[in-house]
Amino acid sequence: MSELPPEENVKPQFALQRIYVKDVSFESPGSPNTFRGALKPAVNLDLNTRKNMIEDSLWEVVLSLTLTAKDENENTMYLAEVQQAGIFVINGLEEDALNHTLGSFCPNILFPYARECIDALIVKGSFPPLMLAPVNFDALYEQAKLAQERQEANVQ
């Protein structure tokens, strides 16, 4: 009876090594005039993720949140950006499961930290607190996967 190759004997492994802020920025270009009117901004959220293999089985995942708040005249009240990152050990997963873990599960872990950081920046800028609603990273991952499959189908 032959043994399986070593890579097929690997049991799935997932471990969080570290969570950290990679980059943070806050701008309030209209201050102090921004505070003279009603502070009821229209807020736009831009959310992105990226992954980077550090070495075999060690990944960095970065969740980027950019919030732009504008007043009724479309003047920017504030711009807050956070890149919340984590280092994860991921081993023994097939490619689809690995991509799902990196594209959905890891950002889901990072989101509460990014949300708290964004809220703290906004409050320290003297604006009303903004608690971002939870994000369905599974749905975003599936949408991105379908868009990529469509794009690849159109190229062929």
N, C-alpha and C. Protein backbone atom coordinates (compact mmCIF):
# COMPACT_ATOMS: atom_id res chain seq x y z
N MET A 1 0.85 -1.19 0.00
CA MET A 1 0.00 0.00 0.00
C MET A 1 0.88 1.24 0.00
N SER A 2 0.66 2.14 -0.95
CA SER A 2 1.50 3.32 -1.06
C SER A 2 0.94 4.47 -0.23
N GLU A 3 1.87 5.31 0.23
CA GLU A 3 1.46 6.49 1.00
C GLU A 3 1.12 7.63 0.05
N LEU A 4 0.24 8.52 0.50
CA LEU A 4 -0.09 9.70 -0.27
C LEU A 4 1.09 10.67 -0.22
N PRO A 5 1.28 11.47 -1.27
CA PRO A 5 2.32 12.50 -1.21
C PRO A 5 2.09 13.42 -0.02
N PRO A 6 3.15 14.02 0.54
CA PRO A 6 3.02 14.84 1.74
C PRO A 6 1.98 15.95 1.64
N GLU A 7 1.88 16.62 0.47
CA GLU A 7 0.92 17.73 0.37
C GLU A 7 -0.52 17.27 0.48
N GLU A 8 -0.80 16.00 0.17
CA GLU A 8 -2.17 15.51 0.28
C GLU A 8 -2.50 15.05 1.70
N ASN A 9 -1.46 14.92 2.54
CA ASN A 9 -1.67 14.53 3.93
C ASN A 9 -1.90 15.74 4.84
N VAL A 10 -1.75 16.94 4.30
CA VAL A 10 -1.87 18.16 5.09
C VAL A 10 -3.33 18.37 5.49
N LYS A 11 -3.55 18.53 6.79
CA LYS A 11 -4.89 18.83 7.28
C LYS A 11 -5.12 20.33 7.15
N PRO A 12 -6.35 20.73 6.86
CA PRO A 12 -6.64 22.16 6.77
C PRO A 12 -6.24 22.88 8.06
N GLN A 13 -5.61 24.03 7.88
CA GLN A 13 -5.14 24.81 9.01
C GLN A 13 -5.44 26.28 8.75
N PHE A 14 -5.97 26.95 9.77
CA PHE A 14 -6.24 28.38 9.70
C PHE A 14 -5.89 28.98 11.05
N ALA A 15 -5.06 30.02 11.04
CA ALA A 15 -4.71 30.69 12.28
C ALA A 15 -4.47 32.17 12.00
N LEU A 16 -4.99 33.00 12.85
CA LEU A 16 -4.77 34.43 12.78
C LEU A 16 -3.48 34.73 13.54
N GLN A 17 -2.54 35.39 12.86
CA GLN A 17 -1.26 35.72 13.49
C GLN A 17 -1.24 37.14 14.05
N ARG A 18 -1.83 38.09 13.30
CA ARG A 18 -1.76 39.48 13.72
C ARG A 18 -2.80 40.30 12.96
N ILE A 19 -3.37 41.30 13.65
CA ILE A 19 -4.25 42.29 13.03
C ILE A 19 -3.62 43.65 13.29
N TYR A 20 -3.54 44.48 12.24
CA TYR A 20 -2.88 45.77 12.40
C TYR A 20 -3.42 46.78 11.39
N VAL A 21 -3.21 48.05 11.69
CA VAL A 21 -3.56 49.13 10.77
C VAL A 21 -2.36 49.34 9.86
N LYS A 22 -2.57 49.16 8.56
CA LYS A 22 -1.49 49.33 7.59
C LYS A 22 -1.36 50.78 7.15
N ASP A 23 -2.52 51.46 7.00
CA ASP A 23 -2.51 52.86 6.59
C ASP A 23 -3.80 53.51 7.07
N VAL A 24 -3.71 54.78 7.43
CA VAL A 24 -4.89 55.51 7.89
C VAL A 24 -4.75 56.97 7.47
N SER A 25 -5.87 57.58 7.09
CA SER A 25 -5.85 58.97 6.66
C SER A 25 -7.20 59.62 6.96
N PHE A 26 -7.16 60.87 7.37
CA PHE A 26 -8.38 61.64 7.58
C PHE A 26 -8.14 63.05 7.06
N GLU A 27 -9.09 63.55 6.27
CA GLU A 27 -9.02 64.91 5.75
C GLU A 27 -10.37 65.58 5.95
N SER A 28 -10.31 66.83 6.32
CA SER A 28 -11.51 67.67 6.42
C SER A 28 -11.20 68.97 5.69
N PRO A 29 -11.25 68.92 4.35
CA PRO A 29 -10.78 70.05 3.55
C PRO A 29 -11.56 71.35 3.71
N GLY A 30 -12.81 71.28 4.12
CA GLY A 30 -13.62 72.49 4.24
C GLY A 30 -13.63 73.10 5.62
N SER A 31 -12.92 72.51 6.56
CA SER A 31 -12.92 73.03 7.93
C SER A 31 -12.21 74.38 7.98
N PRO A 32 -12.66 75.29 8.78
CA PRO A 32 -13.72 75.20 9.78
C PRO A 32 -15.11 75.55 9.25
N ASN A 33 -15.19 75.97 7.98
CA ASN A 33 -16.50 76.36 7.43
C ASN A 33 -17.50 75.21 7.42
N THR A 34 -17.01 73.98 7.34
CA THR A 34 -17.89 72.81 7.33
C THR A 34 -18.80 72.78 8.56
N PHE A 35 -18.29 73.26 9.69
CA PHE A 35 -19.03 73.17 10.95
C PHE A 35 -20.07 74.27 11.12
N ARG A 36 -20.14 75.20 10.18
CA ARG A 36 -21.08 76.32 10.31
C ARG A 36 -22.50 75.92 9.93
N GLY A 37 -22.65 74.86 9.13
CA GLY A 37 -23.98 74.42 8.71
C GLY A 37 -24.39 73.15 9.45
N ALA A 38 -25.47 72.57 8.99
CA ALA A 38 -25.95 71.32 9.57
C ALA A 38 -25.00 70.18 9.17
N LEU A 39 -24.69 69.36 10.13
CA LEU A 39 -23.78 68.24 9.87
C LEU A 39 -24.59 66.99 9.51
N LYS A 40 -25.15 67.02 8.32
CA LYS A 40 -25.92 65.88 7.82
C LYS A 40 -25.34 65.46 6.48
N PRO A 41 -24.17 64.80 6.52
CA PRO A 41 -23.50 64.46 5.27
C PRO A 41 -24.13 63.27 4.54
N ALA A 42 -23.96 63.27 3.23
CA ALA A 42 -24.25 62.09 2.42
C ALA A 42 -22.93 61.32 2.33
N VAL A 43 -22.94 60.09 2.79
CA VAL A 43 -21.70 59.32 2.91
C VAL A 43 -21.65 58.22 1.86
N ASN A 44 -20.51 58.13 1.20
CA ASN A 44 -20.26 57.08 0.22
C ASN A 44 -19.13 56.19 0.74
N LEU A 45 -19.35 54.87 0.71
CA LEU A 45 -18.34 53.91 1.17
C LEU A 45 -17.78 53.16 -0.03
N ASP A 46 -16.47 53.13 -0.12
CA ASP A 46 -15.76 52.33 -1.11
C ASP A 46 -14.98 51.27 -0.34
N LEU A 47 -15.18 50.02 -0.69
CA LEU A 47 -14.59 48.91 0.05
C LEU A 47 -13.84 48.00 -0.91
N ASN A 48 -12.62 47.64 -0.56
CA ASN A 48 -11.80 46.76 -1.40
C ASN A 48 -11.00 45.82 -0.52
N THR A 49 -10.64 44.69 -1.08
CA THR A 49 -9.73 43.77 -0.39
C THR A 49 -8.62 43.38 -1.35
N ARG A 50 -7.51 43.04 -0.77
CA ARG A 50 -6.42 42.47 -1.55
C ARG A 50 -5.68 41.47 -0.69
N LYS A 51 -5.00 40.54 -1.35
CA LYS A 51 -4.26 39.50 -0.63
C LYS A 51 -2.84 39.46 -1.17
N ASN A 52 -1.94 39.04 -0.32
CA ASN A 52 -0.54 38.95 -0.68
C ASN A 52 0.07 37.75 0.04
N MET A 53 0.62 36.82 -0.74
CA MET A 53 1.29 35.69 -0.10
C MET A 53 2.66 36.16 0.40
N ILE A 54 2.87 36.06 1.68
CA ILE A 54 4.13 36.47 2.29
C ILE A 54 5.18 35.38 2.08
N GLU A 55 4.77 34.17 2.37
CA GLU A 55 5.57 32.97 2.11
C GLU A 55 4.60 31.81 2.12
N ASP A 56 5.10 30.62 1.89
CA ASP A 56 4.23 29.45 1.81
C ASP A 56 3.32 29.36 3.03
N SER A 57 2.02 29.35 2.82
CA SER A 57 0.99 29.22 3.85
C SER A 57 0.80 30.45 4.72
N LEU A 58 1.51 31.55 4.45
CA LEU A 58 1.39 32.77 5.24
C LEU A 58 0.91 33.90 4.33
N TRP A 59 -0.26 34.47 4.67
CA TRP A 59 -0.91 35.46 3.81
C TRP A 59 -1.17 36.75 4.57
N GLU A 60 -1.05 37.87 3.85
CA GLU A 60 -1.51 39.15 4.34
C GLU A 60 -2.79 39.47 3.57
N VAL A 61 -3.83 39.83 4.30
CA VAL A 61 -5.08 40.29 3.69
C VAL A 61 -5.31 41.72 4.16
N VAL A 62 -5.61 42.61 3.21
CA VAL A 62 -5.82 44.02 3.53
C VAL A 62 -7.23 44.41 3.11
N LEU A 63 -7.98 44.94 4.06
CA LEU A 63 -9.32 45.46 3.82
C LEU A 63 -9.22 46.98 3.81
N SER A 64 -9.57 47.59 2.69
CA SER A 64 -9.50 49.05 2.56
C SER A 64 -10.91 49.64 2.57
N LEU A 65 -11.13 50.59 3.46
CA LEU A 65 -12.39 51.32 3.53
C LEU A 65 -12.11 52.79 3.27
N THR A 66 -12.85 53.38 2.37
CA THR A 66 -12.75 54.82 2.11
C THR A 66 -14.15 55.40 2.22
N LEU A 67 -14.31 56.35 3.13
CA LEU A 67 -15.58 57.04 3.31
C LEU A 67 -15.43 58.48 2.87
N THR A 68 -16.33 58.91 2.01
CA THR A 68 -16.36 60.30 1.58
C THR A 68 -17.71 60.88 1.98
N ALA A 69 -17.68 61.94 2.76
CA ALA A 69 -18.91 62.60 3.20
C ALA A 69 -19.01 63.97 2.54
N LYS A 70 -20.15 64.22 1.91
CA LYS A 70 -20.36 65.50 1.23
C LYS A 70 -21.62 66.17 1.76
N ASP A 71 -21.61 67.50 1.72
CA ASP A 71 -22.79 68.24 2.15
C ASP A 71 -23.78 68.37 0.99
N GLU A 72 -24.85 69.11 1.21
CA GLU A 72 -25.91 69.22 0.19
C GLU A 72 -25.42 69.94 -1.07
N ASN A 73 -24.31 70.66 -0.98
CA ASN A 73 -23.73 71.35 -2.15
C ASN A 73 -22.61 70.54 -2.80
N GLU A 74 -22.49 69.28 -2.42
CA GLU A 74 -21.46 68.38 -2.95
C GLU A 74 -20.04 68.78 -2.56
N ASN A 75 -19.90 69.57 -1.50
CA ASN A 75 -18.58 69.89 -0.96
C ASN A 75 -18.15 68.76 -0.02
N THR A 76 -16.91 68.35 -0.12
CA THR A 76 -16.41 67.28 0.73
C THR A 76 -16.27 67.78 2.16
N MET A 77 -17.00 67.14 3.07
CA MET A 77 -16.91 67.47 4.49
C MET A 77 -15.72 66.74 5.12
N TYR A 78 -15.61 65.44 4.80
CA TYR A 78 -14.45 64.68 5.26
C TYR A 78 -14.22 63.48 4.36
N LEU A 79 -12.99 63.02 4.42
CA LEU A 79 -12.57 61.82 3.70
C LEU A 79 -11.76 61.00 4.70
N ALA A 80 -12.22 59.79 4.98
CA ALA A 80 -11.54 58.91 5.92
C ALA A 80 -11.18 57.61 5.22
N GLU A 81 -9.92 57.23 5.36
CA GLU A 81 -9.45 55.99 4.73
C GLU A 81 -8.71 55.15 5.75
N VAL A 82 -9.00 53.85 5.72
CA VAL A 82 -8.31 52.89 6.59
C VAL A 82 -7.97 51.66 5.79
N GLN A 83 -6.75 51.20 5.96
CA GLN A 83 -6.34 49.90 5.43
C GLN A 83 -6.07 49.02 6.65
N GLN A 84 -7.01 48.15 6.96
CA GLN A 84 -6.90 47.23 8.09
C GLN A 84 -6.35 45.92 7.54
N ALA A 85 -5.29 45.42 8.14
CA ALA A 85 -4.63 44.24 7.60
C ALA A 85 -4.55 43.14 8.65
N GLY A 86 -4.36 41.94 8.16
CA GLY A 86 -4.16 40.79 9.02
C GLY A 86 -3.19 39.82 8.38
N ILE A 87 -2.48 39.10 9.22
CA ILE A 87 -1.60 38.03 8.75
C ILE A 87 -2.23 36.72 9.19
N PHE A 88 -2.40 35.83 8.21
CA PHE A 88 -3.10 34.57 8.45
C PHE A 88 -2.25 33.39 7.97
N VAL A 89 -2.25 32.33 8.76
CA VAL A 89 -1.67 31.06 8.33
C VAL A 89 -2.81 30.24 7.75
N ILE A 90 -2.69 29.88 6.49
CA ILE A 90 -3.72 29.09 5.82
C ILE A 90 -3.00 27.97 5.08
N ASN A 91 -3.38 26.75 5.39
CA ASN A 91 -2.69 25.61 4.80
C ASN A 91 -3.68 24.47 4.58
N GLY A 92 -3.44 23.69 3.55
CA GLY A 92 -4.21 22.48 3.32
C GLY A 92 -5.57 22.69 2.69
N LEU A 93 -5.80 23.85 2.06
CA LEU A 93 -7.08 24.10 1.41
C LEU A 93 -6.91 24.01 -0.11
N GLU A 94 -7.94 23.50 -0.77
CA GLU A 94 -7.94 23.50 -2.23
C GLU A 94 -8.07 24.95 -2.70
N GLU A 95 -7.77 25.20 -3.96
CA GLU A 95 -7.72 26.56 -4.49
C GLU A 95 -9.03 27.33 -4.27
N ASP A 96 -10.18 26.73 -4.56
CA ASP A 96 -11.46 27.42 -4.38
C ASP A 96 -11.69 27.80 -2.92
N ALA A 97 -11.40 26.86 -2.02
CA ALA A 97 -11.59 27.12 -0.59
C ALA A 97 -10.61 28.18 -0.10
N LEU A 98 -9.38 28.15 -0.60
CA LEU A 98 -8.38 29.15 -0.24
C LEU A 98 -8.83 30.53 -0.70
N ASN A 99 -9.28 30.65 -1.94
CA ASN A 99 -9.74 31.94 -2.47
C ASN A 99 -10.94 32.47 -1.69
N HIS A 100 -11.86 31.58 -1.32
CA HIS A 100 -13.02 32.00 -0.53
C HIS A 100 -12.59 32.48 0.85
N THR A 101 -11.66 31.77 1.46
CA THR A 101 -11.16 32.16 2.78
C THR A 101 -10.50 33.53 2.72
N LEU A 102 -9.65 33.74 1.71
CA LEU A 102 -8.94 35.02 1.58
C LEU A 102 -9.87 36.15 1.15
N GLY A 103 -10.88 35.85 0.35
CA GLY A 103 -11.76 36.88 -0.19
C GLY A 103 -12.99 37.18 0.64
N SER A 104 -13.33 36.31 1.58
CA SER A 104 -14.54 36.51 2.36
C SER A 104 -14.32 36.36 3.86
N PHE A 105 -13.79 35.22 4.25
CA PHE A 105 -13.65 34.92 5.69
C PHE A 105 -12.68 35.89 6.38
N CYS A 106 -11.51 36.10 5.78
CA CYS A 106 -10.51 37.01 6.38
C CYS A 106 -11.01 38.45 6.44
N PRO A 107 -11.56 39.01 5.35
CA PRO A 107 -12.09 40.38 5.45
C PRO A 107 -13.21 40.50 6.50
N ASN A 108 -13.99 39.44 6.68
CA ASN A 108 -15.03 39.44 7.69
C ASN A 108 -14.44 39.59 9.09
N ILE A 109 -13.28 38.99 9.32
CA ILE A 109 -12.59 39.12 10.61
C ILE A 109 -12.06 40.55 10.77
N LEU A 110 -11.55 41.14 9.70
CA LEU A 110 -10.93 42.46 9.77
C LEU A 110 -11.93 43.60 9.86
N PHE A 111 -13.15 43.42 9.34
CA PHE A 111 -14.11 44.51 9.23
C PHE A 111 -14.43 45.21 10.56
N PRO A 112 -14.69 44.50 11.66
CA PRO A 112 -15.00 45.23 12.90
C PRO A 112 -13.87 46.17 13.35
N TYR A 113 -12.63 45.77 13.12
CA TYR A 113 -11.50 46.62 13.48
C TYR A 113 -11.45 47.87 12.59
N ALA A 114 -11.67 47.68 11.29
CA ALA A 114 -11.68 48.81 10.36
C ALA A 114 -12.84 49.75 10.67
N ARG A 115 -13.99 49.18 10.98
CA ARG A 115 -15.18 50.00 11.30
C ARG A 115 -14.92 50.86 12.54
N GLU A 116 -14.29 50.28 13.56
CA GLU A 116 -14.00 51.02 14.78
C GLU A 116 -12.99 52.13 14.50
N CYS A 117 -12.00 51.85 13.68
CA CYS A 117 -10.98 52.83 13.34
C CYS A 117 -11.59 54.01 12.57
N ILE A 118 -12.43 53.71 11.59
CA ILE A 118 -13.13 54.75 10.82
C ILE A 118 -13.97 55.62 11.74
N ASP A 119 -14.74 54.99 12.63
CA ASP A 119 -15.61 55.72 13.54
C ASP A 119 -14.78 56.64 14.44
N ALA A 120 -13.66 56.15 14.95
CA ALA A 120 -12.80 56.96 15.82
C ALA A 120 -12.24 58.16 15.06
N LEU A 121 -11.83 57.96 13.81
CA LEU A 121 -11.31 59.07 13.01
C LEU A 121 -12.36 60.15 12.81
N ILE A 122 -13.56 59.74 12.49
CA ILE A 122 -14.64 60.69 12.22
C ILE A 122 -15.00 61.48 13.47
N VAL A 123 -15.09 60.80 14.60
CA VAL A 123 -15.42 61.47 15.86
C VAL A 123 -14.30 62.43 16.25
N LYS A 124 -13.05 62.02 16.07
CA LYS A 124 -11.92 62.91 16.40
C LYS A 124 -11.87 64.11 15.46
N GLY A 125 -12.47 63.99 14.28
CA GLY A 125 -12.58 65.11 13.36
C GLY A 125 -13.73 66.03 13.70
N SER A 126 -14.43 65.72 14.79
CA SER A 126 -15.54 66.51 15.32
C SER A 126 -16.83 66.38 14.49
N PHE A 127 -16.98 65.21 13.88
CA PHE A 127 -18.20 64.91 13.14
C PHE A 127 -19.01 63.89 13.92
N PRO A 128 -20.31 63.79 13.64
CA PRO A 128 -21.15 62.81 14.34
C PRO A 128 -20.65 61.38 14.09
N PRO A 129 -20.77 60.51 15.08
CA PRO A 129 -20.34 59.12 14.90
C PRO A 129 -21.06 58.46 13.73
N LEU A 130 -20.38 57.53 13.11
CA LEU A 130 -20.96 56.81 11.97
C LEU A 130 -20.65 55.33 12.16
N MET A 131 -21.65 54.57 12.55
CA MET A 131 -21.45 53.13 12.72
C MET A 131 -21.84 52.46 11.41
N LEU A 132 -20.86 51.95 10.71
CA LEU A 132 -21.12 51.28 9.44
C LEU A 132 -21.90 49.99 9.66
N ALA A 133 -22.82 49.73 8.77
CA ALA A 133 -23.61 48.49 8.82
C ALA A 133 -22.70 47.30 8.47
N PRO A 134 -23.04 46.12 8.97
CA PRO A 134 -22.27 44.94 8.60
C PRO A 134 -22.25 44.74 7.09
N VAL A 135 -21.21 44.10 6.61
CA VAL A 135 -21.03 43.85 5.19
C VAL A 135 -21.08 42.34 4.94
N ASN A 136 -21.79 41.93 3.90
CA ASN A 136 -21.87 40.52 3.54
C ASN A 136 -20.72 40.20 2.58
N PHE A 137 -19.59 39.80 3.14
CA PHE A 137 -18.41 39.53 2.31
C PHE A 137 -18.59 38.29 1.45
N ASP A 138 -19.43 37.35 1.89
CA ASP A 138 -19.72 36.17 1.04
C ASP A 138 -20.38 36.61 -0.26
N ALA A 139 -21.37 37.49 -0.16
CA ALA A 139 -22.06 37.97 -1.36
C ALA A 139 -21.11 38.77 -2.26
N LEU A 140 -20.28 39.63 -1.66
CA LEU A 140 -19.32 40.41 -2.45
C LEU A 140 -18.32 39.50 -3.15
N TYR A 141 -17.88 38.45 -2.46
CA TYR A 141 -16.93 37.50 -3.05
C TYR A 141 -17.58 36.79 -4.24
N GLU A 142 -18.82 36.34 -4.07
CA GLU A 142 -19.52 35.65 -5.15
C GLU A 142 -19.74 36.57 -6.35
N GLN A 143 -20.09 37.84 -6.09
CA GLN A 143 -20.27 38.80 -7.19
C GLN A 143 -18.96 39.00 -7.95
N ALA A 144 -17.86 39.15 -7.22
CA ALA A 144 -16.56 39.35 -7.86
C ALA A 144 -16.15 38.12 -8.65
N LYS A 145 -16.44 36.95 -8.11
CA LYS A 145 -16.11 35.69 -8.79
C LYS A 145 -16.90 35.56 -10.09
N LEU A 146 -18.20 35.87 -10.05
CA LEU A 146 -19.04 35.83 -11.26
C LEU A 146 -18.57 36.84 -12.29
N ALA A 147 -18.22 38.04 -11.85
CA ALA A 147 -17.74 39.07 -12.77
C ALA A 147 -16.44 38.62 -13.44
N GLN A 148 -15.56 37.99 -12.68
CA GLN A 148 -14.30 37.50 -13.26
C GLN A 148 -14.56 36.38 -14.26
N GLU A 149 -15.49 35.47 -13.94
CA GLU A 149 -15.82 34.38 -14.86
C GLU A 149 -16.42 34.92 -16.16
N ARG A 150 -17.27 35.94 -16.07
CA ARG A 150 -17.86 36.56 -17.26
C ARG A 150 -16.78 37.23 -18.11
N GLN A 151 -15.87 37.91 -17.43
CA GLN A 151 -14.79 38.60 -18.14
C GLN A 151 -13.90 37.58 -18.86
N GLU A 152 -13.58 36.48 -18.19
CA GLU A 152 -12.75 35.44 -18.82
C GLU A 152 -13.48 34.80 -19.99
N ALA A 153 -14.81 34.63 -19.89
CA ALA A 153 -15.60 34.05 -20.97
C ALA A 153 -15.62 34.99 -22.19
N ASN A 154 -15.66 36.30 -21.94
CA ASN A 154 -15.67 37.27 -23.03
C ASN A 154 -14.31 37.37 -23.72
N VAL A 155 -13.25 37.10 -23.01
CA VAL A 155 -11.90 37.18 -23.58
C VAL A 155 -11.65 36.01 -24.52
N GLN A 156 -12.20 34.86 -24.19
CA GLN A 156 -11.94 33.65 -24.99
C GLN A 156 -12.70 33.61 -26.25
